[in-house]
Every structure is written in structure tokens, then in C-alpha cells.
N, C-alpha and C. Protein backbone atom coordinates (compact mmCIF):
# COMPACT_ATOMS: atom_id res chain seq x y z
N UNK A 1 1.23 -2.47 -2.95
CA UNK A 1 0.63 -2.08 -1.70
C UNK A 1 1.15 -2.95 -0.57
N UNK A 2 2.34 -3.40 -0.77
CA UNK A 2 3.12 -4.09 0.25
C UNK A 2 2.39 -5.24 0.90
N UNK A 3 1.90 -5.09 2.12
CA UNK A 3 1.32 -6.23 2.83
C UNK A 3 -0.20 -6.29 2.75
N UNK A 4 -0.82 -5.57 1.84
CA UNK A 4 -2.26 -5.64 1.63
C UNK A 4 -2.59 -7.05 1.16
N UNK A 5 -3.60 -7.65 1.73
CA UNK A 5 -3.95 -9.05 1.43
C UNK A 5 -4.30 -9.28 -0.03
N UNK A 6 -4.80 -8.28 -0.72
CA UNK A 6 -5.25 -8.46 -2.10
C UNK A 6 -4.14 -8.28 -3.13
N UNK A 7 -2.90 -8.11 -2.72
CA UNK A 7 -1.82 -7.91 -3.69
C UNK A 7 -1.42 -9.19 -4.40
N UNK A 8 -1.76 -10.32 -3.84
CA UNK A 8 -1.41 -11.58 -4.48
C UNK A 8 -0.01 -12.07 -4.14
N UNK A 9 0.62 -11.45 -3.17
CA UNK A 9 1.93 -11.91 -2.70
C UNK A 9 1.83 -12.26 -1.23
N UNK A 10 2.70 -13.12 -0.79
CA UNK A 10 2.67 -13.56 0.60
C UNK A 10 3.51 -12.64 1.48
N UNK A 11 2.95 -12.21 2.57
CA UNK A 11 3.70 -11.46 3.57
C UNK A 11 3.42 -12.07 4.93
N UNK A 12 4.25 -11.76 5.89
CA UNK A 12 4.07 -12.30 7.24
C UNK A 12 2.87 -11.69 7.94
N UNK A 13 2.54 -10.45 7.64
CA UNK A 13 1.46 -9.74 8.33
C UNK A 13 0.49 -9.11 7.34
N UNK A 14 -0.30 -9.93 6.61
CA UNK A 14 -1.22 -9.33 5.65
C UNK A 14 -2.32 -8.55 6.37
N UNK A 15 -2.79 -7.48 5.74
CA UNK A 15 -3.88 -6.69 6.30
C UNK A 15 -5.02 -6.61 5.30
N UNK A 16 -6.21 -6.35 5.80
CA UNK A 16 -7.37 -6.07 4.97
C UNK A 16 -7.65 -4.58 5.13
N UNK A 17 -7.39 -3.81 4.09
CA UNK A 17 -7.52 -2.36 4.16
C UNK A 17 -8.90 -1.91 3.70
N UNK A 18 -9.15 -0.63 3.80
CA UNK A 18 -10.40 -0.04 3.31
C UNK A 18 -10.52 -0.22 1.80
N UNK A 19 -9.38 -0.26 1.12
CA UNK A 19 -9.40 -0.45 -0.34
C UNK A 19 -9.97 -1.83 -0.67
N UNK A 20 -9.51 -2.86 0.03
CA UNK A 20 -10.02 -4.21 -0.20
C UNK A 20 -11.50 -4.30 0.15
N UNK A 21 -11.89 -3.71 1.28
CA UNK A 21 -13.29 -3.75 1.66
C UNK A 21 -14.16 -3.04 0.63
N UNK A 22 -13.69 -1.91 0.10
CA UNK A 22 -14.45 -1.19 -0.93
C UNK A 22 -14.58 -2.02 -2.20
N UNK A 23 -13.50 -2.69 -2.58
CA UNK A 23 -13.54 -3.55 -3.76
C UNK A 23 -14.57 -4.67 -3.58
N UNK A 24 -14.55 -5.29 -2.42
CA UNK A 24 -15.50 -6.37 -2.15
C UNK A 24 -16.93 -5.85 -2.14
N UNK A 25 -17.14 -4.68 -1.56
CA UNK A 25 -18.48 -4.09 -1.53
C UNK A 25 -18.95 -3.73 -2.94
N UNK A 26 -18.04 -3.26 -3.78
CA UNK A 26 -18.39 -2.88 -5.15
C UNK A 26 -18.86 -4.06 -5.99
N UNK A 27 -18.51 -5.28 -5.59
CA UNK A 27 -18.98 -6.45 -6.34
C UNK A 27 -20.49 -6.63 -6.18
N UNK A 28 -21.04 -6.03 -5.12
CA UNK A 28 -22.47 -6.19 -4.87
C UNK A 28 -22.78 -7.42 -4.03
N UNK A 29 -21.79 -8.21 -3.70
CA UNK A 29 -22.00 -9.44 -2.94
C UNK A 29 -21.84 -9.23 -1.43
N UNK A 30 -21.19 -8.13 -1.04
CA UNK A 30 -20.85 -7.91 0.36
C UNK A 30 -21.25 -6.51 0.81
N UNK A 31 -21.46 -6.37 2.10
CA UNK A 31 -21.59 -5.07 2.74
C UNK A 31 -20.42 -4.97 3.70
N UNK A 32 -19.56 -4.00 3.48
CA UNK A 32 -18.33 -3.90 4.26
C UNK A 32 -18.56 -3.21 5.59
N UNK A 33 -17.87 -3.69 6.60
CA UNK A 33 -17.83 -3.04 7.90
C UNK A 33 -16.47 -2.34 7.97
N UNK A 34 -16.42 -1.08 7.57
CA UNK A 34 -15.16 -0.35 7.45
C UNK A 34 -14.45 -0.14 8.78
N UNK A 35 -15.18 -0.28 9.87
CA UNK A 35 -14.52 -0.14 11.17
C UNK A 35 -13.58 -1.31 11.45
N UNK A 36 -13.71 -2.38 10.69
CA UNK A 36 -12.83 -3.55 10.86
C UNK A 36 -11.58 -3.47 9.99
N UNK A 37 -11.50 -2.46 9.13
CA UNK A 37 -10.34 -2.31 8.24
C UNK A 37 -9.09 -2.04 9.05
N UNK A 38 -7.98 -2.60 8.57
CA UNK A 38 -6.70 -2.36 9.22
C UNK A 38 -5.99 -1.20 8.52
N UNK A 39 -5.17 -0.51 9.26
CA UNK A 39 -4.47 0.65 8.72
C UNK A 39 -3.34 0.21 7.80
N UNK A 40 -3.31 0.80 6.62
CA UNK A 40 -2.25 0.52 5.67
C UNK A 40 -1.24 1.66 5.74
N UNK A 41 -0.10 1.40 6.34
CA UNK A 41 0.89 2.45 6.54
C UNK A 41 1.93 2.51 5.43
N UNK A 42 1.93 1.54 4.53
CA UNK A 42 2.90 1.52 3.44
C UNK A 42 2.73 2.76 2.57
N UNK A 43 3.79 3.52 2.42
CA UNK A 43 3.78 4.72 1.61
C UNK A 43 3.36 5.98 2.35
N UNK A 44 2.96 5.84 3.59
CA UNK A 44 2.49 7.01 4.36
C UNK A 44 3.60 8.05 4.50
N UNK A 45 3.24 9.29 4.26
CA UNK A 45 4.13 10.45 4.39
C UNK A 45 5.34 10.41 3.45
N UNK A 46 5.24 9.68 2.34
CA UNK A 46 6.35 9.62 1.39
C UNK A 46 6.17 10.59 0.22
N UNK A 47 5.08 11.32 0.21
CA UNK A 47 4.88 12.37 -0.77
C UNK A 47 4.34 11.92 -2.12
N UNK A 48 4.18 12.88 -2.98
CA UNK A 48 3.59 12.64 -4.30
C UNK A 48 4.47 11.76 -5.18
N UNK A 49 5.80 11.87 -5.06
CA UNK A 49 6.69 11.03 -5.87
C UNK A 49 6.41 9.56 -5.66
N UNK A 50 6.09 9.18 -4.46
CA UNK A 50 5.82 7.77 -4.16
C UNK A 50 4.64 7.25 -4.98
N UNK A 51 3.64 8.11 -5.19
CA UNK A 51 2.45 7.71 -5.92
C UNK A 51 2.57 7.94 -7.42
N UNK A 52 3.22 9.03 -7.80
CA UNK A 52 3.23 9.45 -9.20
C UNK A 52 4.35 8.83 -10.03
N UNK A 53 5.45 8.45 -9.41
CA UNK A 53 6.57 7.88 -10.15
C UNK A 53 6.52 6.35 -10.12
N UNK A 54 7.26 5.75 -11.03
CA UNK A 54 7.32 4.28 -11.04
C UNK A 54 8.11 3.79 -9.83
N UNK A 55 7.94 2.53 -9.50
CA UNK A 55 8.66 1.95 -8.37
C UNK A 55 10.17 2.09 -8.58
N UNK A 56 10.62 1.86 -9.82
CA UNK A 56 12.05 1.95 -10.11
C UNK A 56 12.58 3.37 -9.86
N UNK A 57 11.85 4.38 -10.32
CA UNK A 57 12.27 5.76 -10.10
C UNK A 57 12.33 6.08 -8.60
N UNK A 58 11.32 5.66 -7.87
CA UNK A 58 11.26 5.93 -6.44
C UNK A 58 12.42 5.26 -5.71
N UNK A 59 12.69 3.98 -6.04
CA UNK A 59 13.78 3.25 -5.39
C UNK A 59 15.13 3.88 -5.73
N UNK A 60 15.33 4.25 -7.00
CA UNK A 60 16.57 4.89 -7.41
C UNK A 60 16.79 6.20 -6.66
N UNK A 61 15.74 7.00 -6.57
CA UNK A 61 15.83 8.28 -5.86
C UNK A 61 16.13 8.06 -4.37
N UNK A 62 15.48 7.09 -3.77
CA UNK A 62 15.69 6.79 -2.36
C UNK A 62 17.12 6.30 -2.14
N UNK A 63 17.61 5.45 -3.02
CA UNK A 63 18.98 4.93 -2.91
C UNK A 63 20.00 6.05 -3.03
N UNK A 64 19.76 6.97 -3.94
CA UNK A 64 20.69 8.10 -4.13
C UNK A 64 20.77 8.95 -2.87
N UNK A 65 19.64 9.21 -2.24
CA UNK A 65 19.63 9.99 -0.99
C UNK A 65 20.36 9.25 0.11
N UNK A 66 20.20 7.94 0.17
CA UNK A 66 20.86 7.13 1.19
C UNK A 66 22.39 7.18 1.01
N UNK A 67 22.84 7.08 -0.24
CA UNK A 67 24.28 7.08 -0.52
C UNK A 67 24.90 8.45 -0.22
N UNK A 68 24.16 9.52 -0.44
CA UNK A 68 24.67 10.86 -0.18
C UNK A 68 24.92 11.05 1.32
N UNK A 69 24.06 10.46 2.16
CA UNK A 69 24.20 10.62 3.61
C UNK A 69 25.45 9.93 4.14
N UNK A 70 25.89 8.88 3.46
CA UNK A 70 27.02 8.10 3.99
C UNK A 70 28.21 8.25 3.14
């Protein structure tokens, strides 16, 4: 989930998405204010393949399309 704060990797611009807020709320310890959630644009408009295929398949397919253009 790229720059989502809960991924466990460091990014320059981490965000707190609705997914993170829902996870925290599900613990029973917090009440989330969803209006404070930041928009997670990673993967937006990339279609079902982005979600249904493995990262390797998606990257390979994307690379093949890039090479065909040039």
C-alpha cells in the first residue's frame, strides 16, 4: 500500500488512510474520525489486475507495455 503509514516501511510522505483508521477502531481502543483520513491514491484507476495479480505479475505486465511503446 505504498506510502500508507501502517505498511511498516519508511516513505517520505506517509499517510493515515481510512483502512488504518478502521483497523485502529476495530481494536476497540479508538473511535476513528474518518474525516481526518488522507486519500490513498496508490493503485487508483489501475484496474482489477492491480488487485488480483501478484506484484511481480503486475510489474512484468507494466514493463512489457512500456517496452512496446518505445
